[in-house]
Amino acid sequence: MDKAAARRLLEAISSRQLPAETAAYVADCIVASEYIEFADDPTRDAVAFVEDDSSRFIAERSEMWTNEEISQALAMLD
């Protein structure tokens, strides 16, 4: 998986083309796959950010990730 693919995943979340729960599931499958390799650490970190859906359990939080968190994850790919 390269940076462009990770960027598309994050942009689809940001634009709400891909529901958060679906994105977290897809990212979990990518991380768990023994057949997918990451181009570099920033790409791995960006996908791991999406995979980690624990933020949904934070009280008073209406979304899985904030726009700021998604922007920070996208910045990792620059």
PDB file of N, CA and C in Angstrom:
ATOM      1  N   MET A   1       0.860  -1.160   0.000  1.00  0.00           N
ATOM      2  CA  MET A   1       0.000   0.000   0.000  1.00  0.00           C
ATOM      3  C   MET A   1       0.905   1.221   0.000  1.00  0.00           C
ATOM      4  N   ASP A   2       0.590   2.176  -0.855  1.00  0.00           N
ATOM      5  CA  ASP A   2       1.415   3.368  -0.935  1.00  0.00           C
ATOM      6  C   ASP A   2       0.685   4.586  -0.360  1.00  0.00           C
ATOM      7  N   LYS A   3       1.402   5.708  -0.332  1.00  0.00           N
ATOM      8  CA  LYS A   3       0.841   6.928   0.249  1.00  0.00           C
ATOM      9  C   LYS A   3      -0.411   7.391  -0.482  1.00  0.00           C
ATOM     10  N   ALA A   4      -0.438   7.240  -1.793  1.00  0.00           N
ATOM     11  CA  ALA A   4      -1.605   7.680  -2.564  1.00  0.00           C
ATOM     12  C   ALA A   4      -2.863   6.905  -2.150  1.00  0.00           C
ATOM     13  N   ALA A   5      -2.729   5.615  -1.935  1.00  0.00           N
ATOM     14  CA  ALA A   5      -3.876   4.800  -1.515  1.00  0.00           C
ATOM     15  C   ALA A   5      -4.327   5.184  -0.113  1.00  0.00           C
ATOM     16  N   ALA A   6      -3.385   5.412   0.784  1.00  0.00           N
ATOM     17  CA  ALA A   6      -3.739   5.831   2.145  1.00  0.00           C
ATOM     18  C   ALA A   6      -4.412   7.201   2.116  1.00  0.00           C
ATOM     19  N   ARG A   7      -3.915   8.086   1.258  1.00  0.00           N
ATOM     20  CA  ARG A   7      -4.512   9.417   1.126  1.00  0.00           C
ATOM     21  C   ARG A   7      -5.953   9.310   0.615  1.00  0.00           C
ATOM     22  N   ARG A   8      -6.189   8.440  -0.363  1.00  0.00           N
ATOM     23  CA  ARG A   8      -7.559   8.257  -0.880  1.00  0.00           C
ATOM     24  C   ARG A   8      -8.491   7.747   0.213  1.00  0.00           C
ATOM     25  N   LEU A   9      -8.001   6.836   1.033  1.00  0.00           N
ATOM     26  CA  LEU A   9      -8.806   6.326   2.143  1.00  0.00           C
ATOM     27  C   LEU A   9      -9.184   7.451   3.092  1.00  0.00           C
ATOM     28  N   LEU A  10      -8.213   8.252   3.488  1.00  0.00           N
ATOM     29  CA  LEU A  10      -8.480   9.356   4.418  1.00  0.00           C
ATOM     30  C   LEU A  10      -9.381  10.423   3.792  1.00  0.00           C
ATOM     31  N   GLU A  11      -9.167  10.721   2.520  1.00  0.00           N
ATOM     32  CA  GLU A  11     -10.008  11.718   1.847  1.00  0.00           C
ATOM     33  C   GLU A  11     -11.439  11.230   1.700  1.00  0.00           C
ATOM     34  N   ALA A  12     -11.630   9.933   1.487  1.00  0.00           N
ATOM     35  CA  ALA A  12     -12.987   9.378   1.406  1.00  0.00           C
ATOM     36  C   ALA A  12     -13.700   9.483   2.748  1.00  0.00           C
ATOM     37  N   ILE A  13     -12.952   9.334   3.826  1.00  0.00           N
ATOM     38  CA  ILE A  13     -13.536   9.512   5.161  1.00  0.00           C
ATOM     39  C   ILE A  13     -13.889  10.977   5.373  1.00  0.00           C
ATOM     40  N   SER A  14     -12.953  11.845   5.049  1.00  0.00           N
ATOM     41  CA  SER A  14     -13.140  13.278   5.261  1.00  0.00           C
ATOM     42  C   SER A  14     -14.339  13.820   4.483  1.00  0.00           C
ATOM     43  N   SER A  15     -14.525  13.334   3.257  1.00  0.00           N
ATOM     44  CA  SER A  15     -15.631  13.812   2.414  1.00  0.00           C
ATOM     45  C   SER A  15     -16.933  13.058   2.674  1.00  0.00           C
ATOM     46  N   ARG A  16     -16.880  12.106   3.590  1.00  0.00           N
ATOM     47  CA  ARG A  16     -18.034  11.292   3.970  1.00  0.00           C
ATOM     48  C   ARG A  16     -18.524  10.387   2.842  1.00  0.00           C
ATOM     49  N   GLN A  17     -17.644  10.088   1.887  1.00  0.00           N
ATOM     50  CA  GLN A  17     -17.976   9.120   0.848  1.00  0.00           C
ATOM     51  C   GLN A  17     -17.893   7.705   1.397  1.00  0.00           C
ATOM     52  N   LEU A  18     -17.112   7.543   2.448  1.00  0.00           N
ATOM     53  CA  LEU A  18     -16.921   6.241   3.083  1.00  0.00           C
ATOM     54  C   LEU A  18     -17.283   6.374   4.559  1.00  0.00           C
ATOM     55  N   PRO A  19     -18.297   5.642   5.019  1.00  0.00           N
ATOM     56  CA  PRO A  19     -18.674   5.727   6.429  1.00  0.00           C
ATOM     57  C   PRO A  19     -17.520   5.320   7.348  1.00  0.00           C
ATOM     58  N   ALA A  20     -17.441   5.944   8.486  1.00  0.00           N
ATOM     59  CA  ALA A  20     -16.345   5.719   9.426  1.00  0.00           C
ATOM     60  C   ALA A  20     -16.228   4.252   9.832  1.00  0.00           C
ATOM     61  N   GLU A  21     -17.338   3.608  10.121  1.00  0.00           N
ATOM     62  CA  GLU A  21     -17.297   2.213  10.548  1.00  0.00           C
ATOM     63  C   GLU A  21     -16.750   1.315   9.447  1.00  0.00           C
ATOM     64  N   THR A  22     -17.143   1.601   8.212  1.00  0.00           N
ATOM     65  CA  THR A  22     -16.654   0.834   7.072  1.00  0.00           C
ATOM     66  C   THR A  22     -15.154   1.063   6.886  1.00  0.00           C
ATOM     67  N   ALA A  23     -14.736   2.311   7.014  1.00  0.00           N
ATOM     68  CA  ALA A  23     -13.314   2.643   6.864  1.00  0.00           C
ATOM     69  C   ALA A  23     -12.474   1.926   7.912  1.00  0.00           C
ATOM     70  N   ALA A  24     -12.954   1.900   9.151  1.00  0.00           N
ATOM     71  CA  ALA A  24     -12.221   1.222  10.220  1.00  0.00           C
ATOM     72  C   ALA A  24     -12.124  -0.270   9.942  1.00  0.00           C
ATOM     73  N   TYR A  25     -13.188  -0.857   9.418  1.00  0.00           N
ATOM     74  CA  TYR A  25     -13.172  -2.287   9.084  1.00  0.00           C
ATOM     75  C   TYR A  25     -12.191  -2.563   7.948  1.00  0.00           C
ATOM     76  N   VAL A  26     -12.235  -1.753   6.907  1.00  0.00           N
ATOM     77  CA  VAL A  26     -11.323  -1.923   5.775  1.00  0.00           C
ATOM     78  C   VAL A  26      -9.875  -1.787   6.240  1.00  0.00           C
ATOM     79  N   ALA A  27      -9.599  -0.770   7.045  1.00  0.00           N
ATOM     80  CA  ALA A  27      -8.238  -0.567   7.551  1.00  0.00           C
ATOM     81  C   ALA A  27      -7.796  -1.747   8.410  1.00  0.00           C
ATOM     82  N   ASP A  28      -8.697  -2.284   9.203  1.00  0.00           N
ATOM     83  CA  ASP A  28      -8.379  -3.456  10.025  1.00  0.00           C
ATOM     84  C   ASP A  28      -8.002  -4.641   9.141  1.00  0.00           C
ATOM     85  N   CYS A  29      -8.743  -4.831   8.067  1.00  0.00           N
ATOM     86  CA  CYS A  29      -8.433  -5.923   7.137  1.00  0.00           C
ATOM     87  C   CYS A  29      -7.083  -5.713   6.455  1.00  0.00           C
ATOM     88  N   ILE A  30      -6.784  -4.466   6.100  1.00  0.00           N
ATOM     89  CA  ILE A  30      -5.494  -4.161   5.462  1.00  0.00           C
ATOM     90  C   ILE A  30      -4.356  -4.469   6.420  1.00  0.00           C
ATOM     91  N   VAL A  31      -4.469  -4.004   7.652  1.00  0.00           N
ATOM     92  CA  VAL A  31      -3.410  -4.213   8.637  1.00  0.00           C
ATOM     93  C   VAL A  31      -3.245  -5.695   8.953  1.00  0.00           C
ATOM     94  N   ALA A  32      -4.344  -6.434   9.022  1.00  0.00           N
ATOM     95  CA  ALA A  32      -4.290  -7.850   9.384  1.00  0.00           C
ATOM     96  C   ALA A  32      -3.805  -8.745   8.241  1.00  0.00           C
ATOM     97  N   SER A  33      -3.878  -8.240   7.017  1.00  0.00           N
ATOM     98  CA  SER A  33      -3.510  -9.063   5.868  1.00  0.00           C
ATOM     99  C   SER A  33      -2.015  -9.336   5.827  1.00  0.00           C
ATOM    100  N   GLU A  34      -1.690 -10.567   5.554  1.00  0.00           N
ATOM    101  CA  GLU A  34      -0.277 -10.923   5.412  1.00  0.00           C
ATOM    102  C   GLU A  34       0.200 -10.671   3.982  1.00  0.00           C
ATOM    103  N   TYR A  35      -0.706 -10.276   3.093  1.00  0.00           N
ATOM    104  CA  TYR A  35      -0.371 -10.074   1.690  1.00  0.00           C
ATOM    105  C   TYR A  35      -0.169  -8.610   1.310  1.00  0.00           C
ATOM    106  N   ILE A  36      -0.519  -7.707   2.194  1.00  0.00           N
ATOM    107  CA  ILE A  36      -0.383  -6.284   1.898  1.00  0.00           C
ATOM    108  C   ILE A  36       0.833  -5.730   2.625  1.00  0.00           C
ATOM    109  N   GLU A  37       1.696  -5.094   1.863  1.00  0.00           N
ATOM    110  CA  GLU A  37       2.879  -4.458   2.435  1.00  0.00           C
ATOM    111  C   GLU A  37       2.713  -2.943   2.338  1.00  0.00           C
ATOM    112  N   PHE A  38       3.276  -2.248   3.286  1.00  0.00           N
ATOM    113  CA  PHE A  38       3.209  -0.794   3.302  1.00  0.00           C
ATOM    114  C   PHE A  38       4.479  -0.224   2.686  1.00  0.00           C
ATOM    115  N   ALA A  39       4.314   0.824   1.902  1.00  0.00           N
ATOM    116  CA  ALA A  39       5.446   1.448   1.225  1.00  0.00           C
ATOM    117  C   ALA A  39       6.433   2.061   2.211  1.00  0.00           C
ATOM    118  N   ASP A  40       5.906   2.582   3.327  1.00  0.00           N
ATOM    119  CA  ASP A  40       6.771   3.234   4.309  1.00  0.00           C
ATOM    120  C   ASP A  40       6.014   3.389   5.635  1.00  0.00           C
ATOM    121  N   ASP A  41       6.724   3.882   6.635  1.00  0.00           N
ATOM    122  CA  ASP A  41       6.116   4.038   7.965  1.00  0.00           C
ATOM    123  C   ASP A  41       4.976   5.053   7.999  1.00  0.00           C
ATOM    124  N   PRO A  42       5.083   6.207   7.320  1.00  0.00           N
ATOM    125  CA  PRO A  42       3.946   7.132   7.341  1.00  0.00           C
ATOM    126  C   PRO A  42       2.660   6.521   6.776  1.00  0.00           C
ATOM    127  N   THR A  43       2.802   5.692   5.748  1.00  0.00           N
ATOM    128  CA  THR A  43       1.625   5.025   5.187  1.00  0.00           C
ATOM    129  C   THR A  43       1.040   4.051   6.202  1.00  0.00           C
ATOM    130  N   ARG A  44       1.895   3.275   6.835  1.00  0.00           N
ATOM    131  CA  ARG A  44       1.442   2.334   7.870  1.00  0.00           C
ATOM    132  C   ARG A  44       0.753   3.097   9.012  1.00  0.00           C
ATOM    133  N   ASP A  45       1.334   4.214   9.421  1.00  0.00           N
ATOM    134  CA  ASP A  45       0.766   5.007  10.519  1.00  0.00           C
ATOM    135  C   ASP A  45      -0.601   5.587  10.151  1.00  0.00           C
ATOM    136  N   ALA A  46      -0.755   6.019   8.916  1.00  0.00           N
ATOM    137  CA  ALA A  46      -2.038   6.586   8.483  1.00  0.00           C
ATOM    138  C   ALA A  46      -3.127   5.519   8.490  1.00  0.00           C
ATOM    139  N   VAL A  47      -2.811   4.325   8.011  1.00  0.00           N
ATOM    140  CA  VAL A  47      -3.798   3.242   8.007  1.00  0.00           C
ATOM    141  C   VAL A  47      -4.080   2.786   9.437  1.00  0.00           C
ATOM    142  N   ALA A  48      -3.067   2.751  10.265  1.00  0.00           N
ATOM    143  CA  ALA A  48      -3.268   2.386  11.676  1.00  0.00           C
ATOM    144  C   ALA A  48      -4.157   3.394  12.384  1.00  0.00           C
ATOM    145  N   PHE A  49      -4.034   4.663  12.009  1.00  0.00           N
ATOM    146  CA  PHE A  49      -4.915   5.697  12.571  1.00  0.00           C
ATOM    147  C   PHE A  49      -6.374   5.365  12.261  1.00  0.00           C
ATOM    148  N   VAL A  50      -6.648   4.981  11.031  1.00  0.00           N
ATOM    149  CA  VAL A  50      -8.019   4.644  10.643  1.00  0.00           C
ATOM    150  C   VAL A  50      -8.470   3.359  11.333  1.00  0.00           C
ATOM    151  N   GLU A  51      -7.566   2.414  11.454  1.00  0.00           N
ATOM    152  CA  GLU A  51      -7.904   1.138  12.088  1.00  0.00           C
ATOM    153  C   GLU A  51      -8.289   1.313  13.552  1.00  0.00           C
ATOM    154  N   ASP A  52      -7.632   2.243  14.230  1.00  0.00           N
ATOM    155  CA  ASP A  52      -7.879   2.450  15.659  1.00  0.00           C
ATOM    156  C   ASP A  52      -9.184   3.228  15.836  1.00  0.00           C
ATOM    157  N   ASP A  53     -10.257   2.492  16.029  1.00  0.00           N
ATOM    158  CA  ASP A  53     -11.567   3.124  16.173  1.00  0.00           C
ATOM    159  C   ASP A  53     -11.976   3.291  17.631  1.00  0.00           C
ATOM    160  N   SER A  54     -11.012   3.228  18.540  1.00  0.00           N
ATOM    161  CA  SER A  54     -11.336   3.332  19.968  1.00  0.00           C
ATOM    162  C   SER A  54     -11.890   4.705  20.351  1.00  0.00           C
ATOM    163  N   SER A  55     -11.643   5.712  19.524  1.00  0.00           N
ATOM    164  CA  SER A  55     -12.141   7.051  19.853  1.00  0.00           C
ATOM    165  C   SER A  55     -13.663   7.120  19.876  1.00  0.00           C
ATOM    166  N   ARG A  56     -14.325   6.137  19.240  1.00  0.00           N
ATOM    167  CA  ARG A  56     -15.790   6.149  19.247  1.00  0.00           C
ATOM    168  C   ARG A  56     -16.350   5.938  20.649  1.00  0.00           C
ATOM    169  N   PHE A  57     -15.512   5.452  21.555  1.00  0.00           N
ATOM    170  CA  PHE A  57     -15.976   5.185  22.911  1.00  0.00           C
ATOM    171  C   PHE A  57     -15.718   6.344  23.870  1.00  0.00           C
ATOM    172  N   ILE A  58     -15.164   7.431  23.363  1.00  0.00           N
ATOM    173  CA  ILE A  58     -14.928   8.611  24.190  1.00  0.00           C
ATOM    174  C   ILE A  58     -16.266   9.322  24.397  1.00  0.00           C
ATOM    175  N   ALA A  59     -16.572   9.611  25.623  1.00  0.00           N
ATOM    176  CA  ALA A  59     -17.848  10.255  25.953  1.00  0.00           C
ATOM    177  C   ALA A  59     -17.945  11.613  25.262  1.00  0.00           C
ATOM    178  N   GLU A  60     -19.147  11.960  24.897  1.00  0.00           N
ATOM    179  CA  GLU A  60     -19.467  13.249  24.293  1.00  0.00           C
ATOM    180  C   GLU A  60     -18.828  13.448  22.920  1.00  0.00           C
ATOM    181  N   ARG A  61     -18.502  12.376  22.247  1.00  0.00           N
ATOM    182  CA  ARG A  61     -17.905  12.490  20.924  1.00  0.00           C
ATOM    183  C   ARG A  61     -18.918  11.999  19.910  1.00  0.00           C
ATOM    184  N   SER A  62     -19.241  12.830  18.942  1.00  0.00           N
ATOM    185  CA  SER A  62     -20.281  12.467  17.987  1.00  0.00           C
ATOM    186  C   SER A  62     -19.729  11.741  16.760  1.00  0.00           C
ATOM    187  N   GLU A  63     -18.443  11.861  16.501  1.00  0.00           N
ATOM    188  CA  GLU A  63     -17.845  11.235  15.339  1.00  0.00           C
ATOM    189  C   GLU A  63     -16.644  10.397  15.764  1.00  0.00           C
ATOM    190  N   MET A  64     -16.292   9.430  14.929  1.00  0.00           N
ATOM    191  CA  MET A  64     -15.167   8.575  15.263  1.00  0.00           C
ATOM    192  C   MET A  64     -13.862   9.369  15.259  1.00  0.00           C
ATOM    193  N   TRP A  65     -13.699  10.244  14.249  1.00  0.00           N
ATOM    194  CA  TRP A  65     -12.510  11.087  14.156  1.00  0.00           C
ATOM    195  C   TRP A  65     -12.949  12.514  13.879  1.00  0.00           C
ATOM    196  N   THR A  66     -12.198  13.454  14.413  1.00  0.00           N
ATOM    197  CA  THR A  66     -12.488  14.862  14.121  1.00  0.00           C
ATOM    198  C   THR A  66     -11.829  15.230  12.798  1.00  0.00           C
ATOM    199  N   ASN A  67     -12.284  16.323  12.205  1.00  0.00           N
ATOM    200  CA  ASN A  67     -11.661  16.805  10.969  1.00  0.00           C
ATOM    201  C   ASN A  67     -10.190  17.127  11.202  1.00  0.00           C
ATOM    202  N   GLU A  68      -9.877  17.642  12.379  1.00  0.00           N
ATOM    203  CA  GLU A  68      -8.486  17.972  12.705  1.00  0.00           C
ATOM    204  C   GLU A  68      -7.628  16.703  12.743  1.00  0.00           C
ATOM    205  N   GLU A  69      -8.159  15.636  13.325  1.00  0.00           N
ATOM    206  CA  GLU A  69      -7.408  14.375  13.375  1.00  0.00           C
ATOM    207  C   GLU A  69      -7.174  13.812  11.978  1.00  0.00           C
ATOM    208  N   ILE A  70      -8.179  13.910  11.126  1.00  0.00           N
ATOM    209  CA  ILE A  70      -8.021  13.432   9.758  1.00  0.00           C
ATOM    210  C   ILE A  70      -6.996  14.286   9.031  1.00  0.00           C
ATOM    211  N   SER A  71      -7.037  15.595   9.231  1.00  0.00           N
ATOM    212  CA  SER A  71      -6.058  16.488   8.606  1.00  0.00           C
ATOM    213  C   SER A  71      -4.645  16.159   9.065  1.00  0.00           C
ATOM    214  N   GLN A  72      -4.499  15.853  10.342  1.00  0.00           N
ATOM    215  CA  GLN A  72      -3.173  15.475  10.859  1.00  0.00           C
ATOM    216  C   GLN A  72      -2.685  14.171  10.236  1.00  0.00           C
ATOM    217  N   ALA A  73      -3.585  13.225  10.063  1.00  0.00           N
ATOM    218  CA  ALA A  73      -3.211  11.960   9.431  1.00  0.00           C
ATOM    219  C   ALA A  73      -2.814  12.180   7.972  1.00  0.00           C
ATOM    220  N   LEU A  74      -3.543  13.054   7.279  1.00  0.00           N
ATOM    221  CA  LEU A  74      -3.183  13.376   5.906  1.00  0.00           C
ATOM    222  C   LEU A  74      -1.823  14.058   5.848  1.00  0.00           C
ATOM    223  N   ALA A  75      -1.529  14.910   6.825  1.00  0.00           N
ATOM    224  CA  ALA A  75      -0.242  15.609   6.851  1.00  0.00           C
ATOM    225  C   ALA A  75       0.924  14.633   7.030  1.00  0.00           C
ATOM    226  N   MET A  76       0.678  13.504   7.690  1.00  0.00           N
ATOM    227  CA  MET A  76       1.732  12.489   7.836  1.00  0.00           C
ATOM    228  C   MET A  76       2.182  11.965   6.482  1.00  0.00           C
ATOM    229  N   LEU A  77       1.314  12.074   5.495  1.00  0.00           N
ATOM    230  CA  LEU A  77       1.604  11.515   4.176  1.00  0.00           C
ATOM    231  C   LEU A  77       2.305  12.498   3.249  1.00  0.00           C
ATOM    232  N   ASP A  78       2.502  13.714   3.696  1.00  0.00           N
ATOM    233  CA  ASP A  78       3.192  14.725   2.861  1.00  0.00           C
ATOM    234  C   ASP A  78       4.683  14.543   2.866  1.00  0.00           C
TER     235      ASP A  78
END
